[in-house]
């Protein structure tokens, strides 16, 4: 009796362990199309001078970041 119970308990544990190994198909519902990057996120944490939805101010901010903030060569130059 104990042997049957322990065997069924082991079989149950193996069944649960193998159930976790399966992978569900990743076919979601509707496809979400992203908005243009200059449309903004609606967050209050934005760069001063940038207006959400204005493509030209977005491009100006990107140029400024590229020139001054993320360019290691220009940041490390001594005047």
C-alpha atoms as a PDB file:
ATOM      1  CA  UNK A   1       0.000   0.000   0.000  1.00  0.00           C
ATOM      2  CA  UNK A   2       2.792   2.397   0.886  1.00  0.00           C
ATOM      3  CA  UNK A   3       4.665   1.404  -2.241  1.00  0.00           C
ATOM      4  CA  UNK A   4       1.677   2.219  -4.473  1.00  0.00           C
ATOM      5  CA  UNK A   5       1.192   5.595  -2.741  1.00  0.00           C
ATOM      6  CA  UNK A   6       4.854   6.533  -3.063  1.00  0.00           C
ATOM      7  CA  UNK A   7       4.948   5.437  -6.713  1.00  0.00           C
ATOM      8  CA  UNK A   8       1.880   7.505  -7.541  1.00  0.00           C
ATOM      9  CA  UNK A   9       3.321  10.465  -5.636  1.00  0.00           C
ATOM     10  CA  UNK A  10       6.563  10.243  -7.642  1.00  0.00           C
ATOM     11  CA  UNK A  11       4.597   9.965 -10.888  1.00  0.00           C
ATOM     12  CA  UNK A  12       2.539  13.014  -9.925  1.00  0.00           C
ATOM     13  CA  UNK A  13       5.701  15.013  -9.114  1.00  0.00           C
ATOM     14  CA  UNK A  14       7.272  14.037 -12.449  1.00  0.00           C
ATOM     15  CA  UNK A  15       4.097  15.017 -14.287  1.00  0.00           C
ATOM     16  CA  UNK A  16       4.093  18.445 -12.638  1.00  0.00           C
ATOM     17  CA  UNK A  17       7.802  18.922 -13.376  1.00  0.00           C
ATOM     18  CA  UNK A  18       7.345  18.010 -17.044  1.00  0.00           C
ATOM     19  CA  UNK A  19       4.338  20.291 -17.380  1.00  0.00           C
ATOM     20  CA  UNK A  20       6.608  23.255 -16.609  1.00  0.00           C
ATOM     21  CA  UNK A  21       8.886  22.362 -19.515  1.00  0.00           C
ATOM     22  CA  UNK A  22       6.308  23.061 -22.200  1.00  0.00           C
ATOM     23  CA  UNK A  23       6.327  26.277 -24.194  1.00  0.00           C
ATOM     24  CA  UNK A  24       3.174  28.049 -25.231  1.00  0.00           C
ATOM     25  CA  UNK A  25       2.997  29.466 -28.763  1.00  0.00           C
ATOM     26  CA  UNK A  26       3.654  33.193 -28.743  1.00  0.00           C
ATOM     27  CA  UNK A  27       0.986  34.251 -31.172  1.00  0.00           C
ATOM     28  CA  UNK A  28      -0.540  37.220 -29.446  1.00  0.00           C
ATOM     29  CA  UNK A  29      -3.645  39.086 -30.400  1.00  0.00           C
ATOM     30  CA  UNK A  30      -3.523  42.325 -32.327  1.00  0.00           C
ATOM     31  CA  UNK A  31      -0.214  43.788 -33.402  1.00  0.00           C
ATOM     32  CA  UNK A  32       0.683  46.997 -31.581  1.00  0.00           C
ATOM     33  CA  UNK A  33       2.172  49.637 -33.832  1.00  0.00           C
ATOM     34  CA  UNK A  34       4.479  52.076 -32.104  1.00  0.00           C
ATOM     35  CA  UNK A  35       4.008  55.794 -32.372  1.00  0.00           C
ATOM     36  CA  UNK A  36       6.660  58.083 -33.787  1.00  0.00           C
ATOM     37  CA  UNK A  37       9.475  58.677 -31.269  1.00  0.00           C
ATOM     38  CA  UNK A  38       8.932  62.419 -31.274  1.00  0.00           C
ATOM     39  CA  UNK A  39       5.305  61.954 -30.190  1.00  0.00           C
ATOM     40  CA  UNK A  40       6.450  61.629 -26.576  1.00  0.00           C
ATOM     41  CA  UNK A  41       5.419  59.344 -23.762  1.00  0.00           C
ATOM     42  CA  UNK A  42       3.233  61.637 -21.704  1.00  0.00           C
ATOM     43  CA  UNK A  43       5.816  61.677 -18.908  1.00  0.00           C
ATOM     44  CA  UNK A  44       6.674  64.827 -16.986  1.00  0.00           C
ATOM     45  CA  UNK A  45      10.370  63.913 -17.069  1.00  0.00           C
ATOM     46  CA  UNK A  46      11.398  65.485 -20.353  1.00  0.00           C
ATOM     47  CA  UNK A  47      14.274  67.665 -21.442  1.00  0.00           C
ATOM     48  CA  UNK A  48      13.529  71.383 -21.054  1.00  0.00           C
ATOM     49  CA  UNK A  49      12.951  72.968 -24.440  1.00  0.00           C
ATOM     50  CA  UNK A  50      11.534  69.847 -26.047  1.00  0.00           C
ATOM     51  CA  UNK A  51       7.888  69.875 -27.040  1.00  0.00           C
ATOM     52  CA  UNK A  52       6.113  66.531 -27.437  1.00  0.00           C
ATOM     53  CA  UNK A  53       4.917  65.996 -31.004  1.00  0.00           C
ATOM     54  CA  UNK A  54       7.309  68.535 -32.553  1.00  0.00           C
ATOM     55  CA  UNK A  55       9.650  66.670 -34.892  1.00  0.00           C
ATOM     56  CA  UNK A  56      12.097  69.553 -35.394  1.00  0.00           C
ATOM     57  CA  UNK A  57      12.610  70.123 -31.663  1.00  0.00           C
ATOM     58  CA  UNK A  58      13.101  66.342 -31.267  1.00  0.00           C
ATOM     59  CA  UNK A  59      15.829  66.362 -33.915  1.00  0.00           C
ATOM     60  CA  UNK A  60      17.483  69.413 -32.325  1.00  0.00           C
ATOM     61  CA  UNK A  61      17.556  67.684 -28.943  1.00  0.00           C
ATOM     62  CA  UNK A  62      19.081  64.566 -30.506  1.00  0.00           C
ATOM     63  CA  UNK A  63      21.783  66.650 -32.207  1.00  0.00           C
ATOM     64  CA  UNK A  64      22.551  68.448 -28.953  1.00  0.00           C
ATOM     65  CA  UNK A  65      22.847  65.180 -27.022  1.00  0.00           C
ATOM     66  CA  UNK A  66      25.033  63.703 -29.702  1.00  0.00           C
ATOM     67  CA  UNK A  67      27.339  66.714 -29.840  1.00  0.00           C
ATOM     68  CA  UNK A  68      27.721  67.571 -26.172  1.00  0.00           C
ATOM     69  CA  UNK A  69      26.486  64.778 -23.935  1.00  0.00           C
ATOM     70  CA  UNK A  70      27.469  61.507 -25.557  1.00  0.00           C
ATOM     71  CA  UNK A  71      30.553  62.425 -27.523  1.00  0.00           C
ATOM     72  CA  UNK A  72      33.516  61.276 -25.404  1.00  0.00           C
ATOM     73  CA  UNK A  73      36.016  62.928 -27.715  1.00  0.00           C
ATOM     74  CA  UNK A  74      34.555  66.411 -27.279  1.00  0.00           C
ATOM     75  CA  UNK A  75      33.990  65.912 -23.541  1.00  0.00           C
ATOM     76  CA  UNK A  76      37.601  64.948 -22.876  1.00  0.00           C
ATOM     77  CA  UNK A  77      39.226  67.751 -24.849  1.00  0.00           C
ATOM     78  CA  UNK A  78      41.033  70.327 -22.750  1.00  0.00           C
ATOM     79  CA  UNK A  79      40.439  73.946 -23.749  1.00  0.00           C
END
